[in-house]
Amino acid sequence: MVLVDLMLELCSEEQLVVAHFNHRTRHEESDGDSFFVRQFAHSRGLVFETEERKGAKLSEAALRLERYQFLERIKEKHHCNYVVLAHHLQDQIETFLMRILRGTGLDGLAVMAPKNGYWIRPLLIFSKETLEQEAQKKQIQYRVDSSNTDSKYFRNEIRLNLIPQLEKLSEKYGGKEKWLQRLAPLFEEIRGAKKELNRKTSKKLFTVSVQTPFWVRISREKMDLFSSAEKKRALRQILAALEIETFSASELIRLETGLKTFSRNFSAKGLEVSESCGYLYFKNRLASSNAPNLVFRQTGTEVRCDLLGLALMVKGSFGDCEWRQIRPGDRFRGKKVKEYFLEKRIPRPERELIPVLAVKGSKELKWVYPDRHPQIEVKNIGFPFAVGVS
């Protein structure tokens, strides 16, 4: 409610949308919260949006996911530039301590940023007590979530048991307020260190990996040169590139361990990893599994495939042939085309994208990329295949 009051000082009513997600975990009290916010929004002429929890899971992570998905939908519906959230300094401290106890790297310790894309948290430097004083001074009405005192939630255990002990210990070093004041710049410093390390890892990853709409590829040899900490940051960046939900610290450790021990294929939480010809391939397992369709256009002596950025120059006539991608049972030079791929060390995930020239209505291939042919010249190919024309 303090955040809404602040936003009304900065923006006009027509620029704001008040969004309230009803978790339905406290029955009548939850409904009362929703009614309270609705009445306030209507009294100020503000657009109000609300939804109720639909999932059966009541874990903190599940509730947070539903809430954030709701906020994303409202942002898109009203074409909002930003989503402004009311997290304060105590929320930040709680998250920091939770992650230390659960086990996390620097990424986890960086906790919440004041601005992350269109997500904005302007109250992160203010303590809960400061916000309560502001509400009292300006006579801002608010409601208190009774579940905040329920210690069955891990966050509440931190809030009710650990933080009071730390506040008590802080009396030896200037008191609670000074302790809180020192934490805000500490979090900022950690975020700065995280940003710099991620920048360095990103630069290193960019030089040794290849990203396509279908997968991210990196050689096993290059991946093994990353330190354990770099590997975790690199894996997070690969997950982000594939639009896969970020893994927790423990899930990243399992993934890193899996990469060391798996023989051919490995999957975890929407991610599929395979190894072929010395390369690791990271794919979004939930994305379409259908092979991409290659469309070829021939104009005179030139053949093009836009998906591959391919331009071929053809000499002579191949009237009885067609340009396509490989199919099961295809043969080249009297052998299964698979043998040619093994000979050329063409990785499995790339084979379905290989352009070929085939006899119409036949499994017989006249030409297979990247083989040399006296009548076919590869003028350009934009797709980053692991193997080029030899």
Protein backbone atom coordinates (compact mmCIF):
# COMPACT_ATOMS: atom_id res chain seq x y z
CA MET A 1 0.00 0.00 0.00
CA VAL A 2 2.96 2.31 0.62
CA LEU A 3 4.20 1.45 -2.87
CA VAL A 4 0.85 2.39 -4.45
CA ASP A 5 0.90 5.67 -2.54
CA LEU A 6 4.42 6.35 -3.84
CA MET A 7 3.46 5.51 -7.43
CA LEU A 8 0.47 7.86 -7.25
CA GLU A 9 2.89 10.68 -6.42
CA LEU A 10 5.04 9.82 -9.43
CA CYS A 11 2.39 8.90 -12.02
CA SER A 12 -1.15 9.82 -12.95
CA GLU A 13 -4.00 7.38 -12.25
CA GLU A 14 -4.41 6.41 -15.92
CA GLN A 15 -0.75 5.27 -16.06
CA LEU A 16 -1.17 2.68 -13.31
CA VAL A 17 -2.66 -0.81 -13.08
CA VAL A 18 -3.08 -2.32 -9.61
CA ALA A 19 -2.61 -6.11 -9.79
CA HIS A 20 -3.44 -8.40 -6.86
CA PHE A 21 -2.97 -12.18 -6.87
CA ASN A 22 -5.14 -14.11 -4.41
CA HIS A 23 -3.20 -17.17 -3.27
CA ARG A 24 -6.30 -18.54 -1.48
CA THR A 25 -4.10 -19.95 1.31
CA ARG A 26 -5.95 -18.17 4.13
CA HIS A 27 -9.54 -18.55 2.89
CA GLU A 28 -11.70 -15.62 4.12
CA GLU A 29 -8.63 -13.59 5.05
CA SER A 30 -7.21 -13.96 1.53
CA ASP A 31 -10.54 -12.89 0.05
CA GLY A 32 -10.58 -9.95 2.47
CA ASP A 33 -7.18 -8.81 1.21
CA SER A 34 -8.42 -8.96 -2.37
CA PHE A 35 -11.58 -7.00 -1.52
CA PHE A 36 -9.53 -4.40 0.40
CA VAL A 37 -7.20 -3.74 -2.55
CA ARG A 38 -10.09 -3.72 -5.04
CA GLN A 39 -11.99 -1.14 -2.99
CA PHE A 40 -8.92 1.07 -2.70
CA ALA A 41 -8.20 0.90 -6.44
CA HIS A 42 -11.79 1.75 -7.33
CA SER A 43 -11.84 4.64 -4.86
CA ARG A 44 -8.85 6.18 -6.65
CA GLY A 45 -10.10 5.43 -10.18
CA LEU A 46 -7.32 2.91 -10.81
CA VAL A 47 -7.55 -0.08 -13.13
CA PHE A 48 -7.66 -3.23 -10.98
CA GLU A 49 -6.75 -6.77 -12.03
CA THR A 50 -6.92 -9.92 -9.93
CA GLU A 51 -6.71 -13.69 -10.30
CA GLU A 52 -6.88 -16.63 -7.92
CA ARG A 53 -4.52 -19.55 -7.50
CA LYS A 54 -5.42 -22.45 -9.78
CA GLY A 55 -2.63 -24.92 -8.99
CA ALA A 56 -2.78 -27.43 -6.16
CA LYS A 57 0.80 -26.90 -5.00
CA LEU A 58 1.24 -24.62 -1.97
CA SER A 59 5.05 -24.45 -1.81
CA GLU A 60 6.64 -21.00 -1.76
CA ALA A 61 8.19 -21.69 -5.18
CA ALA A 62 4.88 -22.81 -6.74
CA LEU A 63 2.97 -19.82 -5.36
CA ARG A 64 5.66 -17.41 -6.52
CA LEU A 65 5.62 -18.92 -10.03
CA GLU A 66 1.83 -18.52 -10.34
CA ARG A 67 2.04 -14.95 -9.03
CA TYR A 68 4.75 -13.92 -11.46
CA GLN A 69 2.99 -15.56 -14.40
CA PHE A 70 -0.13 -13.56 -13.48
CA LEU A 71 1.89 -10.32 -13.42
CA GLU A 72 3.38 -11.15 -16.82
CA ARG A 73 -0.10 -11.63 -18.28
CA ILE A 74 -1.35 -8.32 -16.87
CA LYS A 75 1.71 -6.51 -18.21
CA GLU A 76 1.02 -7.87 -21.70
CA LYS A 77 -2.73 -7.21 -21.49
CA HIS A 78 -2.30 -3.52 -20.63
CA HIS A 79 0.95 -2.98 -22.58
CA CYS A 80 2.73 -1.83 -19.41
CA ASN A 81 6.34 -0.72 -19.55
CA TYR A 82 7.20 -1.93 -16.05
CA VAL A 83 6.10 -4.23 -13.25
CA VAL A 84 6.78 -2.48 -9.92
CA LEU A 85 7.09 -4.69 -6.84
CA ALA A 86 7.14 -3.81 -3.13
CA HIS A 87 10.01 -5.98 -1.85
CA HIS A 88 11.87 -4.23 0.96
CA LEU A 89 15.21 -4.66 2.75
CA GLN A 90 13.99 -7.39 5.12
CA ASP A 91 12.76 -9.41 2.13
CA GLN A 92 16.24 -9.06 0.69
CA ILE A 93 17.92 -10.21 3.92
CA GLU A 94 15.57 -13.18 4.25
CA THR A 95 16.30 -14.30 0.68
CA PHE A 96 20.04 -13.86 1.24
CA LEU A 97 20.01 -16.02 4.40
CA MET A 98 17.75 -18.66 2.86
CA ARG A 99 20.15 -19.09 -0.04
CA ILE A 100 23.19 -19.33 2.22
CA LEU A 101 21.51 -22.08 4.24
CA ARG A 102 20.35 -23.96 1.14
CA GLY A 103 23.76 -23.63 -0.49
CA THR A 104 24.34 -21.23 -3.35
CA GLY A 105 27.02 -19.55 -5.41
CA LEU A 106 27.56 -15.87 -6.07
CA ASP A 107 24.53 -15.74 -8.38
CA GLY A 108 22.27 -16.68 -5.46
CA LEU A 109 23.91 -14.30 -3.00
CA ALA A 110 23.32 -11.38 -5.38
CA VAL A 111 19.59 -11.73 -4.50
CA MET A 112 17.12 -9.20 -5.93
CA ALA A 113 18.19 -6.23 -8.06
CA PRO A 114 16.40 -2.84 -7.88
CA LYS A 115 15.87 -3.14 -11.63
CA ASN A 116 15.93 -6.30 -13.71
CA GLY A 117 14.59 -5.61 -17.16
CA TYR A 118 11.03 -4.35 -16.68
CA TRP A 119 10.86 -5.64 -13.07
CA ILE A 120 11.45 -2.74 -10.65
CA ARG A 121 11.79 -2.87 -6.86
CA PRO A 122 12.15 0.73 -5.63
CA LEU A 123 11.78 -0.10 -1.91
CA LEU A 124 14.70 -2.52 -1.54
CA ILE A 125 16.84 -0.04 0.43
CA PHE A 126 14.08 0.64 2.98
CA SER A 127 13.49 -1.45 6.10
CA LYS A 128 10.07 -2.77 7.00
CA GLU A 129 10.04 -0.44 10.03
CA THR A 130 10.65 2.58 7.78
CA LEU A 131 7.72 1.59 5.57
CA GLU A 132 5.47 1.08 8.61
CA GLN A 133 6.44 4.54 9.86
CA GLU A 134 5.61 5.99 6.44
CA ALA A 135 2.20 4.31 6.49
CA GLN A 136 1.52 5.69 9.96
CA LYS A 137 2.69 9.21 9.09
CA LYS A 138 0.56 9.39 5.92
CA GLN A 139 -2.33 7.39 7.41
CA ILE A 140 -2.10 4.72 4.75
CA GLN A 141 -4.38 1.80 5.54
CA TYR A 142 -3.01 -1.72 5.07
CA ARG A 143 -3.63 -5.33 6.05
CA VAL A 144 -1.23 -7.83 7.66
CA ASP A 145 -0.83 -11.36 6.30
CA SER A 146 -1.36 -13.68 9.29
CA SER A 147 0.67 -16.45 7.61
CA ASN A 148 3.78 -14.31 8.13
CA THR A 149 3.87 -15.74 11.66
CA ASP A 150 3.50 -19.38 10.54
CA SER A 151 6.92 -21.02 11.01
CA LYS A 152 6.09 -23.96 8.73
CA TYR A 153 7.41 -21.80 5.86
CA PHE A 154 11.20 -21.67 5.60
CA ARG A 155 11.18 -17.92 4.96
CA ASN A 156 9.15 -17.36 8.11
CA GLU A 157 11.59 -19.49 10.13
CA ILE A 158 14.32 -17.12 9.00
CA ARG A 159 12.17 -14.07 9.77
CA LEU A 160 10.96 -15.21 13.19
CA ASN A 161 13.99 -17.08 14.54
CA LEU A 162 17.24 -16.21 12.80
CA ILE A 163 16.92 -12.49 12.00
CA PRO A 164 15.99 -11.48 15.60
CA GLN A 165 19.17 -13.22 16.78
CA LEU A 166 21.25 -11.35 14.21
CA GLU A 167 19.62 -8.06 15.21
CA LYS A 168 20.48 -8.81 18.82
CA LEU A 169 24.11 -9.56 17.91
CA SER A 170 24.28 -6.37 15.85
CA GLU A 171 24.06 -4.35 19.07
CA LYS A 172 27.78 -5.07 19.51
CA TYR A 173 28.50 -3.34 16.20
CA GLY A 174 26.41 -0.19 16.27
CA GLY A 175 22.90 -1.57 16.51
CA LYS A 176 20.18 -2.82 14.20
CA GLU A 177 19.78 0.32 12.06
CA LYS A 178 23.50 0.53 11.27
CA TRP A 179 23.52 -3.18 10.45
CA LEU A 180 20.63 -2.73 8.05
CA GLN A 181 22.26 0.32 6.48
CA ARG A 182 25.44 -1.66 5.81
CA LEU A 183 23.57 -4.51 4.12
CA ALA A 184 22.10 -2.52 1.21
CA PRO A 185 25.52 -1.50 -0.24
CA LEU A 186 26.81 -5.03 0.44
CA PHE A 187 24.07 -6.49 -1.77
CA GLU A 188 24.88 -3.90 -4.42
CA GLU A 189 28.56 -4.87 -4.30
CA ILE A 190 27.71 -8.57 -4.66
CA ARG A 191 25.46 -7.78 -7.66
CA GLY A 192 28.32 -5.82 -9.23
CA ALA A 193 30.73 -8.72 -8.74
CA LYS A 194 28.18 -11.14 -10.18
CA LYS A 195 27.62 -8.90 -13.21
CA GLU A 196 31.34 -8.65 -13.92
CA LEU A 197 31.90 -12.41 -13.55
CA ASN A 198 28.90 -13.14 -15.78
CA ARG A 199 30.26 -10.70 -18.37
CA LYS A 200 33.62 -12.48 -18.41
CA THR A 201 31.99 -15.91 -18.58
CA SER A 202 29.67 -14.74 -21.36
CA LYS A 203 32.63 -13.46 -23.37
CA LYS A 204 34.49 -16.73 -22.89
CA LEU A 205 31.39 -18.80 -23.69
CA PHE A 206 30.69 -16.74 -26.83
CA THR A 207 34.14 -17.51 -28.23
CA VAL A 208 33.84 -21.29 -27.79
CA SER A 209 30.13 -22.01 -28.36
CA VAL A 210 27.60 -21.73 -31.17
CA GLN A 211 23.95 -20.85 -30.68
CA THR A 212 21.25 -21.70 -33.24
CA PRO A 213 17.44 -21.73 -33.05
CA PHE A 214 17.68 -25.48 -32.39
CA TRP A 215 20.53 -25.92 -29.90
CA VAL A 216 23.64 -24.52 -28.26
CA ARG A 217 26.84 -26.36 -29.21
CA ILE A 218 30.18 -26.41 -27.39
CA SER A 219 33.04 -28.85 -27.71
CA ARG A 220 33.56 -31.18 -24.76
CA GLU A 221 37.24 -30.15 -24.71
CA LYS A 222 36.39 -26.44 -24.40
CA MET A 223 33.70 -27.08 -21.78
CA ASP A 224 36.17 -28.99 -19.63
CA LEU A 225 38.49 -25.96 -19.60
CA PHE A 226 35.92 -23.98 -17.58
CA SER A 227 36.42 -23.99 -13.83
CA SER A 228 33.55 -25.37 -11.74
CA ALA A 229 32.27 -21.86 -10.92
CA GLU A 230 32.60 -20.75 -14.58
CA LYS A 231 30.80 -23.88 -15.71
CA LYS A 232 27.83 -23.13 -13.47
CA ARG A 233 27.62 -19.56 -14.80
CA ALA A 234 28.01 -20.83 -18.37
CA LEU A 235 25.24 -23.38 -17.83
CA ARG A 236 22.93 -20.65 -16.48
CA GLN A 237 23.62 -18.58 -19.59
CA ILE A 238 22.96 -21.55 -21.87
CA LEU A 239 19.66 -22.20 -20.06
CA ALA A 240 18.68 -18.55 -20.54
CA ALA A 241 19.55 -18.73 -24.26
CA LEU A 242 17.32 -21.80 -24.60
CA GLU A 243 14.52 -20.10 -22.60
CA ILE A 244 14.56 -22.83 -19.98
CA GLU A 245 13.58 -22.04 -16.40
CA THR A 246 16.65 -21.27 -14.30
CA PHE A 247 17.93 -24.23 -12.26
CA SER A 248 18.42 -24.01 -8.51
CA ALA A 249 21.95 -24.36 -7.09
CA SER A 250 21.39 -28.05 -6.28
CA GLU A 251 19.93 -28.72 -9.74
CA LEU A 252 22.96 -27.05 -11.34
CA ILE A 253 25.27 -29.28 -9.31
CA ARG A 254 23.34 -32.37 -10.50
CA LEU A 255 23.54 -31.10 -14.07
CA GLU A 256 27.29 -30.48 -13.81
CA THR A 257 27.76 -33.97 -12.34
CA GLY A 258 25.59 -35.45 -15.08
CA LEU A 259 27.73 -33.81 -17.76
CA LYS A 260 30.78 -35.57 -16.35
CA THR A 261 29.27 -39.03 -16.16
CA PHE A 262 26.69 -39.42 -18.96
CA SER A 263 27.70 -41.47 -22.01
CA ARG A 264 25.46 -40.12 -24.76
CA ASN A 265 22.25 -38.41 -23.64
CA PHE A 266 21.24 -36.64 -20.45
CA SER A 267 18.07 -34.74 -19.59
CA ALA A 268 16.88 -32.65 -16.66
CA LYS A 269 14.00 -30.21 -16.12
CA GLY A 270 13.28 -29.35 -19.74
CA LEU A 271 16.92 -29.57 -20.83
CA GLU A 272 18.29 -32.27 -23.11
CA VAL A 273 22.04 -32.72 -23.51
CA SER A 274 23.66 -35.03 -26.03
CA GLU A 275 27.25 -35.63 -27.06
CA SER A 276 28.39 -36.47 -30.56
CA CYS A 277 31.74 -36.27 -32.32
CA GLY A 278 33.29 -34.44 -29.39
CA TYR A 279 30.57 -31.79 -29.12
CA LEU A 280 27.95 -31.19 -26.43
CA TYR A 281 24.51 -30.14 -27.64
CA PHE A 282 22.06 -28.39 -25.30
CA LYS A 283 18.42 -28.36 -26.42
CA ASN A 284 15.09 -27.26 -24.99
CA ARG A 285 13.35 -30.62 -24.53
CA LEU A 286 9.92 -28.98 -24.43
CA ALA A 287 10.40 -27.21 -27.77
CA SER A 288 9.12 -28.83 -30.95
CA SER A 289 10.89 -32.13 -31.60
CA ASN A 290 9.98 -32.12 -35.31
CA ALA A 291 12.88 -31.77 -37.71
CA PRO A 292 12.99 -28.31 -39.31
CA ASN A 293 11.72 -28.28 -42.87
CA LEU A 294 14.31 -27.23 -45.45
CA VAL A 295 12.82 -25.40 -48.44
CA PHE A 296 15.00 -25.13 -51.56
CA ARG A 297 14.50 -22.68 -54.44
CA GLN A 298 16.34 -23.04 -57.75
CA THR A 299 16.63 -20.17 -60.19
CA GLY A 300 18.67 -21.08 -63.22
CA THR A 301 22.00 -22.37 -61.95
CA GLU A 302 21.53 -21.04 -58.40
CA VAL A 303 19.99 -23.03 -55.53
CA ARG A 304 19.06 -21.34 -52.24
CA CYS A 305 17.83 -22.44 -48.82
CA ASP A 306 17.01 -19.47 -46.57
CA LEU A 307 16.97 -21.43 -43.31
CA LEU A 308 20.59 -22.46 -43.87
CA GLY A 309 21.69 -19.23 -45.53
CA LEU A 310 22.75 -21.58 -48.33
CA ALA A 311 23.66 -20.57 -51.90
CA LEU A 312 24.82 -23.22 -54.38
CA MET A 313 25.97 -22.84 -57.97
CA VAL A 314 25.08 -25.85 -60.13
CA LYS A 315 26.76 -26.73 -63.43
CA GLY A 316 24.96 -29.04 -65.81
CA SER A 317 21.53 -30.66 -65.49
CA PHE A 318 20.14 -32.68 -62.59
CA GLY A 319 16.62 -32.97 -64.03
CA ASP A 320 15.91 -36.32 -62.41
CA CYS A 321 16.93 -35.10 -58.94
CA GLU A 322 15.49 -33.03 -56.07
CA TRP A 323 17.00 -30.91 -53.31
CA ARG A 324 15.93 -31.99 -49.82
CA GLN A 325 17.19 -33.07 -46.41
CA ILE A 326 18.09 -36.63 -45.44
CA ARG A 327 15.48 -39.34 -44.92
CA PRO A 328 15.69 -42.74 -43.22
CA GLY A 329 17.30 -45.32 -45.52
CA ASP A 330 19.15 -42.81 -47.73
CA ARG A 331 22.27 -44.21 -49.41
CA PHE A 332 25.35 -42.42 -50.75
CA ARG A 333 28.02 -44.06 -52.91
CA GLY A 334 26.47 -47.47 -52.34
CA LYS A 335 26.50 -47.22 -48.53
CA LYS A 336 24.13 -45.97 -45.86
CA VAL A 337 24.49 -42.22 -45.56
CA LYS A 338 25.12 -42.75 -41.84
CA GLU A 339 28.53 -44.19 -42.77
CA TYR A 340 29.39 -41.00 -44.65
CA PHE A 341 28.38 -38.93 -41.60
CA LEU A 342 30.59 -41.07 -39.36
CA GLU A 343 33.49 -40.74 -41.80
CA LYS A 344 33.11 -36.93 -41.90
CA ARG A 345 32.41 -36.80 -38.14
CA ILE A 346 29.14 -34.93 -38.61
CA PRO A 347 27.41 -34.83 -35.19
CA ARG A 348 24.01 -36.52 -34.87
CA PRO A 349 21.99 -33.37 -33.95
CA GLU A 350 23.14 -31.68 -37.18
CA ARG A 351 22.39 -34.49 -39.61
CA GLU A 352 18.70 -33.68 -40.01
CA LEU A 353 19.72 -30.24 -41.33
CA ILE A 354 22.20 -31.52 -43.92
CA PRO A 355 21.14 -30.57 -47.50
CA VAL A 356 21.31 -33.36 -50.10
CA LEU A 357 20.63 -33.88 -53.78
CA ALA A 358 18.60 -37.07 -54.28
CA VAL A 359 17.26 -38.99 -57.26
CA LYS A 360 13.51 -38.29 -57.32
CA GLY A 361 11.46 -41.05 -55.70
CA SER A 362 14.63 -42.81 -54.62
CA LYS A 363 16.85 -43.23 -51.55
CA GLU A 364 19.91 -42.75 -53.77
CA LEU A 365 21.84 -39.53 -53.10
CA LYS A 366 23.95 -37.75 -55.71
CA TRP A 367 25.45 -35.22 -53.32
CA VAL A 368 25.59 -34.69 -49.56
CA TYR A 369 26.90 -31.59 -47.81
CA PRO A 370 29.84 -31.06 -47.17
CA ASP A 371 31.12 -33.41 -49.89
CA ARG A 372 32.87 -31.97 -52.94
CA HIS A 373 31.19 -32.40 -56.33
CA PRO A 374 32.57 -31.21 -59.69
CA GLN A 375 29.19 -29.74 -60.68
CA ILE A 376 28.15 -28.25 -57.33
CA GLU A 377 29.85 -25.26 -55.72
CA VAL A 378 28.92 -24.01 -52.24
CA LYS A 379 29.04 -20.22 -52.61
CA ASN A 380 27.73 -19.48 -49.12
CA ILE A 381 26.32 -21.21 -46.08
CA GLY A 382 25.29 -19.26 -43.01
CA PHE A 383 24.32 -22.12 -40.73
CA PRO A 384 27.19 -22.93 -38.34
CA PHE A 385 27.66 -26.62 -39.05
CA ALA A 386 30.46 -28.26 -37.07
CA VAL A 387 31.95 -29.53 -40.36
CA GLY A 388 32.42 -27.40 -43.48
CA VAL A 389 33.32 -28.22 -47.04
CA SER A 390 36.61 -30.12 -47.07
